[in-house]
Amino acid sequence: TTTNSGTSTAPPATEVKQRGNALVRVIHAVPGGAAVDVLADDKKLFTGIAYKTTSPYEELSGERHTFRIRQAGQDTAQPLAENSEGLSDGRHYTVIAMADTNGKPAISVFDDDIVPPSEGKAKVRIIHASADAGEVDVYAKQGNKKLFGGVNALSQTSYTEVDPMAATLEVRPEGQNNAVLTIPNAKFNAGDSYTIVLTGKAKGA
């Protein structure tokens, strides 16, 4: 996995499945939020995950877990948010801390599809974690090509196969031409899978 914070590797899913485990990573997408520690039940999985960063994948037993986040280092504080989800052996999951429609931290768990794209294609999905942005469209600016349309806030899209490209992406309110967010130098390589997380506030500061 390659992110802005570096590159990490995970064991093959087949090996993880034989051990009765799943693979879990965390993305902190609460706007302006302090770094968090992430727990699965009473086990601390990750420490000090900062805003707009992604953890490496870690193994966790393939069963139901209650995920909790606390401000980093505050082991006795009440959780900022929690959510219970069932995991399956050998599958990959992304746990995202995001702000809900009331601006309060919330946790969502998304299934990561690691099946490779078709030959000569890349695979892309959007996770829309900006509650006040409403529905958005995502375009490749060159050629004004729509990649995703009507993406609901606090949801994910399915993976979509695209041709390899290097492009500037624009996030636009649904059906409009003005961009509320521009993502320069987005590069999609054949054979790779990509997750784009939209976070921050569309209104106010």
C-alpha atoms as a PDB file:
ATOM      1  CA  THR A   1       0.000   0.000   0.000  1.00  0.00           C
ATOM      2  CA  THR A   2       1.359   3.397  -0.985  1.00  0.00           C
ATOM      3  CA  THR A   3      -0.034   6.566   0.619  1.00  0.00           C
ATOM      4  CA  ASN A   4       1.188  10.096   1.279  1.00  0.00           C
ATOM      5  CA  SER A   5       2.753   8.800   4.495  1.00  0.00           C
ATOM      6  CA  GLY A   6       4.792   6.077   2.790  1.00  0.00           C
ATOM      7  CA  THR A   7       4.628   2.494   1.575  1.00  0.00           C
ATOM      8  CA  SER A   8       3.760  -0.597   3.605  1.00  0.00           C
ATOM      9  CA  THR A   9       3.316  -4.290   2.851  1.00  0.00           C
ATOM     10  CA  ALA A  10       0.911  -6.925   4.159  1.00  0.00           C
ATOM     11  CA  PRO A  11       1.089 -10.738   4.115  1.00  0.00           C
ATOM     12  CA  PRO A  12      -0.794 -12.572   1.344  1.00  0.00           C
ATOM     13  CA  ALA A  13      -4.508 -12.963   1.995  1.00  0.00           C
ATOM     14  CA  THR A  14      -4.270 -16.754   1.611  1.00  0.00           C
ATOM     15  CA  GLU A  15      -1.805 -16.970   4.504  1.00  0.00           C
ATOM     16  CA  VAL A  16      -3.919 -14.677   6.651  1.00  0.00           C
ATOM     17  CA  LYS A  17      -7.028 -16.767   5.927  1.00  0.00           C
ATOM     18  CA  GLN A  18      -5.237 -19.948   7.021  1.00  0.00           C
ATOM     19  CA  ARG A  19      -4.570 -18.260  10.352  1.00  0.00           C
ATOM     20  CA  GLY A  20      -8.260 -17.365  10.711  1.00  0.00           C
ATOM     21  CA  ASN A  21      -7.484 -13.661  10.434  1.00  0.00           C
ATOM     22  CA  ALA A  22      -8.538 -10.631   8.402  1.00  0.00           C
ATOM     23  CA  LEU A  23      -6.448  -7.582   7.490  1.00  0.00           C
ATOM     24  CA  VAL A  24      -7.474  -4.167   8.805  1.00  0.00           C
ATOM     25  CA  ARG A  25      -6.142  -0.660   8.231  1.00  0.00           C
ATOM     26  CA  VAL A  26      -7.330   2.734   9.527  1.00  0.00           C
ATOM     27  CA  ILE A  27      -7.784   6.133   7.855  1.00  0.00           C
ATOM     28  CA  HIS A  28      -8.292   9.242  10.001  1.00  0.00           C
ATOM     29  CA  ALA A  29     -10.680  11.548   8.128  1.00  0.00           C
ATOM     30  CA  VAL A  30     -12.202  13.654  10.929  1.00  0.00           C
ATOM     31  CA  PRO A  31     -11.522  17.269   9.852  1.00  0.00           C
ATOM     32  CA  GLY A  32      -9.112  18.967  12.218  1.00  0.00           C
ATOM     33  CA  GLY A  33      -9.249  16.056  14.620  1.00  0.00           C
ATOM     34  CA  ALA A  34      -6.365  15.256  16.955  1.00  0.00           C
ATOM     35  CA  ALA A  35      -4.372  12.048  16.447  1.00  0.00           C
ATOM     36  CA  VAL A  36      -6.229   8.950  17.632  1.00  0.00           C
ATOM     37  CA  ASP A  37      -5.560   5.502  19.022  1.00  0.00           C
ATOM     38  CA  VAL A  38      -7.697   2.736  17.523  1.00  0.00           C
ATOM     39  CA  LEU A  39      -8.903  -0.277  19.476  1.00  0.00           C
ATOM     40  CA  ALA A  40     -10.556  -3.518  18.439  1.00  0.00           C
ATOM     41  CA  ASP A  41     -12.489  -4.603  21.522  1.00  0.00           C
ATOM     42  CA  ASP A  42      -9.921  -4.063  24.299  1.00  0.00           C
ATOM     43  CA  LYS A  43      -6.863  -4.482  22.066  1.00  0.00           C
ATOM     44  CA  LYS A  44      -5.045  -1.367  20.873  1.00  0.00           C
ATOM     45  CA  LEU A  45      -4.450  -1.894  17.152  1.00  0.00           C
ATOM     46  CA  PHE A  46      -2.929   1.455  16.187  1.00  0.00           C
ATOM     47  CA  THR A  47      -1.516   4.422  18.064  1.00  0.00           C
ATOM     48  CA  GLY A  48      -1.204   8.061  17.098  1.00  0.00           C
ATOM     49  CA  ILE A  49      -2.979   7.976  13.726  1.00  0.00           C
ATOM     50  CA  ALA A  50      -2.991  11.601  12.546  1.00  0.00           C
ATOM     51  CA  TYR A  51      -5.584  13.376  10.406  1.00  0.00           C
ATOM     52  CA  LYS A  52      -5.293  12.500   6.710  1.00  0.00           C
ATOM     53  CA  THR A  53      -3.019   9.517   7.340  1.00  0.00           C
ATOM     54  CA  THR A  54      -3.469   5.809   6.659  1.00  0.00           C
ATOM     55  CA  SER A  55      -2.112   2.995   8.805  1.00  0.00           C
ATOM     56  CA  PRO A  56      -0.553  -0.195   7.427  1.00  0.00           C
ATOM     57  CA  TYR A  57      -2.730  -3.322   7.385  1.00  0.00           C
ATOM     58  CA  GLU A  58      -2.630  -5.380  10.584  1.00  0.00           C
ATOM     59  CA  GLU A  59      -3.998  -8.862  11.209  1.00  0.00           C
ATOM     60  CA  LEU A  60      -7.120  -9.261  13.328  1.00  0.00           C
ATOM     61  CA  SER A  61      -9.194 -12.369  13.968  1.00  0.00           C
ATOM     62  CA  GLY A  62     -11.961 -12.949  11.443  1.00  0.00           C
ATOM     63  CA  GLU A  63     -14.948 -12.405  13.730  1.00  0.00           C
ATOM     64  CA  ARG A  64     -17.068  -9.549  15.080  1.00  0.00           C
ATOM     65  CA  HIS A  65     -15.166  -6.740  16.759  1.00  0.00           C
ATOM     66  CA  THR A  66     -16.096  -3.435  18.338  1.00  0.00           C
ATOM     67  CA  PHE A  67     -13.828  -0.714  16.968  1.00  0.00           C
ATOM     68  CA  ARG A  68     -13.227   2.367  19.129  1.00  0.00           C
ATOM     69  CA  ILE A  69     -11.202   5.536  18.727  1.00  0.00           C
ATOM     70  CA  ARG A  70      -9.772   7.671  21.513  1.00  0.00           C
ATOM     71  CA  GLN A  71      -7.634  10.778  21.403  1.00  0.00           C
ATOM     72  CA  ALA A  72      -4.047   9.496  21.312  1.00  0.00           C
ATOM     73  CA  GLY A  73      -2.610   8.694  24.727  1.00  0.00           C
ATOM     74  CA  GLN A  74      -5.895   9.068  26.619  1.00  0.00           C
ATOM     75  CA  ASP A  75      -6.329   5.415  27.540  1.00  0.00           C
ATOM     76  CA  THR A  76      -9.001   5.976  30.195  1.00  0.00           C
ATOM     77  CA  ALA A  77     -11.103   8.530  28.312  1.00  0.00           C
ATOM     78  CA  GLN A  78     -14.506   7.750  26.862  1.00  0.00           C
ATOM     79  CA  PRO A  79     -14.245   6.677  23.209  1.00  0.00           C
ATOM     80  CA  LEU A  80     -14.866   9.400  20.650  1.00  0.00           C
ATOM     81  CA  ALA A  81     -16.772   6.846  18.563  1.00  0.00           C
ATOM     82  CA  GLU A  82     -17.324   3.109  18.270  1.00  0.00           C
ATOM     83  CA  ASN A  83     -18.847   0.636  15.820  1.00  0.00           C
ATOM     84  CA  SER A  84     -19.248  -3.147  15.807  1.00  0.00           C
ATOM     85  CA  GLU A  85     -18.553  -5.022  12.570  1.00  0.00           C
ATOM     86  CA  GLY A  86     -18.071  -8.648  11.552  1.00  0.00           C
ATOM     87  CA  LEU A  87     -14.883  -9.557   9.664  1.00  0.00           C
ATOM     88  CA  SER A  88     -14.291 -12.546   7.394  1.00  0.00           C
ATOM     89  CA  ASP A  89     -11.098 -14.607   7.255  1.00  0.00           C
ATOM     90  CA  GLY A  90      -8.678 -13.522   4.540  1.00  0.00           C
ATOM     91  CA  ARG A  91     -10.507 -10.288   3.655  1.00  0.00           C
ATOM     92  CA  HIS A  92      -9.141  -6.736   3.711  1.00  0.00           C
ATOM     93  CA  TYR A  93     -10.972  -3.894   5.467  1.00  0.00           C
ATOM     94  CA  THR A  94     -10.561  -0.144   5.823  1.00  0.00           C
ATOM     95  CA  VAL A  95     -11.807   1.399   9.067  1.00  0.00           C
ATOM     96  CA  ILE A  96     -12.458   5.117   8.592  1.00  0.00           C
ATOM     97  CA  ALA A  97     -12.939   7.677  11.328  1.00  0.00           C
ATOM     98  CA  MET A  98     -15.014  10.496   9.854  1.00  0.00           C
ATOM     99  CA  ALA A  99     -17.341  13.250  11.053  1.00  0.00           C
ATOM    100  CA  ASP A 100     -21.084  12.552  10.821  1.00  0.00           C
ATOM    101  CA  THR A 101     -23.764  15.026   9.734  1.00  0.00           C
ATOM    102  CA  ASN A 102     -23.649  16.596  13.210  1.00  0.00           C
ATOM    103  CA  GLY A 103     -19.863  17.007  13.099  1.00  0.00           C
ATOM    104  CA  LYS A 104     -19.309  14.228  15.654  1.00  0.00           C
ATOM    105  CA  PRO A 105     -16.676  11.510  15.084  1.00  0.00           C
ATOM    106  CA  ALA A 106     -18.054   8.241  13.704  1.00  0.00           C
ATOM    107  CA  ILE A 107     -16.545   4.968  12.508  1.00  0.00           C
ATOM    108  CA  SER A 108     -17.361   3.145   9.268  1.00  0.00           C
ATOM    109  CA  VAL A 109     -15.871  -0.138   8.048  1.00  0.00           C
ATOM    110  CA  PHE A 110     -15.463  -0.730   4.304  1.00  0.00           C
ATOM    111  CA  ASP A 111     -14.600  -3.946   2.483  1.00  0.00           C
ATOM    112  CA  ASP A 112     -11.490  -3.651   0.286  1.00  0.00           C
ATOM    113  CA  ASP A 113     -11.743  -5.579  -2.985  1.00  0.00           C
ATOM    114  CA  ILE A 114      -8.187  -6.661  -3.798  1.00  0.00           C
ATOM    115  CA  VAL A 115      -9.050  -8.635  -6.948  1.00  0.00           C
ATOM    116  CA  PRO A 116      -6.750  -7.188  -9.651  1.00  0.00           C
ATOM    117  CA  PRO A 117      -8.343  -5.127 -12.443  1.00  0.00           C
ATOM    118  CA  SER A 118      -8.593  -6.401 -16.001  1.00  0.00           C
ATOM    119  CA  GLU A 119      -5.360  -6.443 -17.973  1.00  0.00           C
ATOM    120  CA  GLY A 120      -4.328  -2.949 -18.986  1.00  0.00           C
ATOM    121  CA  LYS A 121      -6.739  -1.285 -16.555  1.00  0.00           C
ATOM    122  CA  ALA A 122      -6.580   0.413 -13.157  1.00  0.00           C
ATOM    123  CA  LYS A 123      -9.285   0.173 -10.488  1.00  0.00           C
ATOM    124  CA  VAL A 124     -10.572   3.181  -8.516  1.00  0.00           C
ATOM    125  CA  ARG A 125     -13.176   3.867  -5.826  1.00  0.00           C
ATOM    126  CA  ILE A 126     -14.243   6.948  -3.873  1.00  0.00           C
ATOM    127  CA  ILE A 127     -14.940   7.095  -0.145  1.00  0.00           C
ATOM    128  CA  HIS A 128     -16.866  10.323   0.493  1.00  0.00           C
ATOM    129  CA  ALA A 129     -16.102  11.369   4.079  1.00  0.00           C
ATOM    130  CA  SER A 130     -17.119  15.044   3.923  1.00  0.00           C
ATOM    131  CA  ALA A 131     -20.601  15.157   5.472  1.00  0.00           C
ATOM    132  CA  ASP A 132     -21.457  18.746   4.520  1.00  0.00           C
ATOM    133  CA  ALA A 133     -20.391  18.487   0.877  1.00  0.00           C
ATOM    134  CA  GLY A 134     -23.542  16.699  -0.281  1.00  0.00           C
ATOM    135  CA  GLU A 135     -23.566  14.551  -3.414  1.00  0.00           C
ATOM    136  CA  VAL A 136     -20.583  15.049  -5.698  1.00  0.00           C
ATOM    137  CA  ASP A 137     -19.332  14.115  -9.134  1.00  0.00           C
ATOM    138  CA  VAL A 138     -15.677  13.293  -9.809  1.00  0.00           C
ATOM    139  CA  TYR A 139     -14.166  14.241 -13.180  1.00  0.00           C
ATOM    140  CA  ALA A 140     -10.848  13.879 -14.912  1.00  0.00           C
ATOM    141  CA  LYS A 141     -10.342  17.489 -15.989  1.00  0.00           C
ATOM    142  CA  GLN A 142      -8.591  16.567 -19.236  1.00  0.00           C
ATOM    143  CA  GLY A 143     -11.400  15.737 -21.634  1.00  0.00           C
ATOM    144  CA  ASN A 144     -13.986  16.592 -18.937  1.00  0.00           C
ATOM    145  CA  LYS A 145     -14.480  12.854 -18.345  1.00  0.00           C
ATOM    146  CA  LYS A 146     -16.858  11.873 -15.544  1.00  0.00           C
ATOM    147  CA  LEU A 147     -15.423   9.040 -13.459  1.00  0.00           C
ATOM    148  CA  PHE A 148     -18.086   8.964 -10.729  1.00  0.00           C
ATOM    149  CA  GLY A 149     -21.484  10.615 -10.505  1.00  0.00           C
ATOM    150  CA  GLY A 150     -23.795  11.359  -7.573  1.00  0.00           C
ATOM    151  CA  VAL A 151     -21.522  10.049  -4.816  1.00  0.00           C
ATOM    152  CA  ASN A 152     -23.417  10.347  -1.528  1.00  0.00           C
ATOM    153  CA  ALA A 153     -21.741  11.808   1.554  1.00  0.00           C
ATOM    154  CA  LEU A 154     -20.548   9.246   4.123  1.00  0.00           C
ATOM    155  CA  SER A 155     -20.596   6.415   1.588  1.00  0.00           C
ATOM    156  CA  GLN A 156     -18.318   4.560  -0.796  1.00  0.00           C
ATOM    157  CA  THR A 157     -18.627   3.805  -4.493  1.00  0.00           C
ATOM    158  CA  SER A 158     -17.984   0.478  -6.116  1.00  0.00           C
ATOM    159  CA  TYR A 159     -14.583   0.051  -7.734  1.00  0.00           C
ATOM    160  CA  THR A 160     -14.572   1.256 -11.346  1.00  0.00           C
ATOM    161  CA  GLU A 161     -12.025   0.186 -13.942  1.00  0.00           C
ATOM    162  CA  VAL A 162     -10.356   3.048 -15.819  1.00  0.00           C
ATOM    163  CA  ASP A 163      -7.671   3.372 -18.461  1.00  0.00           C
ATOM    164  CA  PRO A 164      -4.216   4.215 -17.099  1.00  0.00           C
ATOM    165  CA  MET A 165      -3.877   7.991 -16.893  1.00  0.00           C
ATOM    166  CA  ALA A 166      -2.172  10.931 -15.274  1.00  0.00           C
ATOM    167  CA  ALA A 167      -4.787  13.604 -14.712  1.00  0.00           C
ATOM    168  CA  THR A 168      -6.060  16.452 -12.597  1.00  0.00           C
ATOM    169  CA  LEU A 169      -9.224  15.322 -10.820  1.00  0.00           C
ATOM    170  CA  GLU A 170     -12.047  17.705  -9.961  1.00  0.00           C
ATOM    171  CA  VAL A 171     -14.689  17.125  -7.308  1.00  0.00           C
ATOM    172  CA  ARG A 172     -17.857  19.031  -8.222  1.00  0.00           C
ATOM    173  CA  PRO A 173     -21.274  19.390  -6.584  1.00  0.00           C
ATOM    174  CA  GLU A 174     -23.543  16.951  -8.390  1.00  0.00           C
ATOM    175  CA  GLY A 175     -24.600  18.263 -11.785  1.00  0.00           C
ATOM    176  CA  GLN A 176     -22.500  21.422 -11.544  1.00  0.00           C
ATOM    177  CA  ASN A 177     -19.338  22.507 -13.354  1.00  0.00           C
ATOM    178  CA  ASN A 178     -17.533  24.357 -10.546  1.00  0.00           C
ATOM    179  CA  ALA A 179     -14.904  22.368  -8.651  1.00  0.00           C
ATOM    180  CA  VAL A 180     -14.944  22.419  -4.836  1.00  0.00           C
ATOM    181  CA  LEU A 181     -11.744  20.362  -4.731  1.00  0.00           C
ATOM    182  CA  THR A 182      -8.936  19.807  -7.237  1.00  0.00           C
ATOM    183  CA  ILE A 183      -6.586  16.825  -6.999  1.00  0.00           C
ATOM    184  CA  PRO A 184      -3.528  17.514  -9.193  1.00  0.00           C
ATOM    185  CA  ASN A 185      -1.168  14.867 -10.542  1.00  0.00           C
ATOM    186  CA  ALA A 186      -3.439  11.887  -9.921  1.00  0.00           C
ATOM    187  CA  LYS A 187      -1.801   8.912 -11.585  1.00  0.00           C
ATOM    188  CA  PHE A 188      -3.490   5.586 -12.213  1.00  0.00           C
ATOM    189  CA  ASN A 189      -1.209   2.731 -13.283  1.00  0.00           C
ATOM    190  CA  ALA A 190      -2.377  -0.422 -15.023  1.00  0.00           C
ATOM    191  CA  GLY A 191      -2.771  -3.309 -12.595  1.00  0.00           C
ATOM    192  CA  ASP A 192      -3.126  -1.126  -9.484  1.00  0.00           C
ATOM    193  CA  SER A 193      -6.137  -0.368  -7.276  1.00  0.00           C
ATOM    194  CA  TYR A 194      -6.810   3.065  -5.792  1.00  0.00           C
ATOM    195  CA  THR A 195      -8.972   4.496  -3.026  1.00  0.00           C
ATOM    196  CA  ILE A 196      -9.600   8.258  -2.986  1.00  0.00           C
ATOM    197  CA  VAL A 197     -10.909   9.614   0.320  1.00  0.00           C
ATOM    198  CA  LEU A 198     -12.682  12.976   0.272  1.00  0.00           C
ATOM    199  CA  THR A 199     -12.411  14.741   3.621  1.00  0.00           C
ATOM    200  CA  GLY A 200     -12.538  18.238   5.071  1.00  0.00           C
ATOM    201  CA  LYS A 201     -15.352  20.767   5.217  1.00  0.00           C
ATOM    202  CA  ALA A 202     -17.061  22.211   2.162  1.00  0.00           C
ATOM    203  CA  LYS A 203     -18.640  25.044   4.145  1.00  0.00           C
ATOM    204  CA  GLY A 204     -17.042  27.536   6.512  1.00  0.00           C
ATOM    205  CA  ALA A 205     -13.306  27.409   7.252  1.00  0.00           C
END
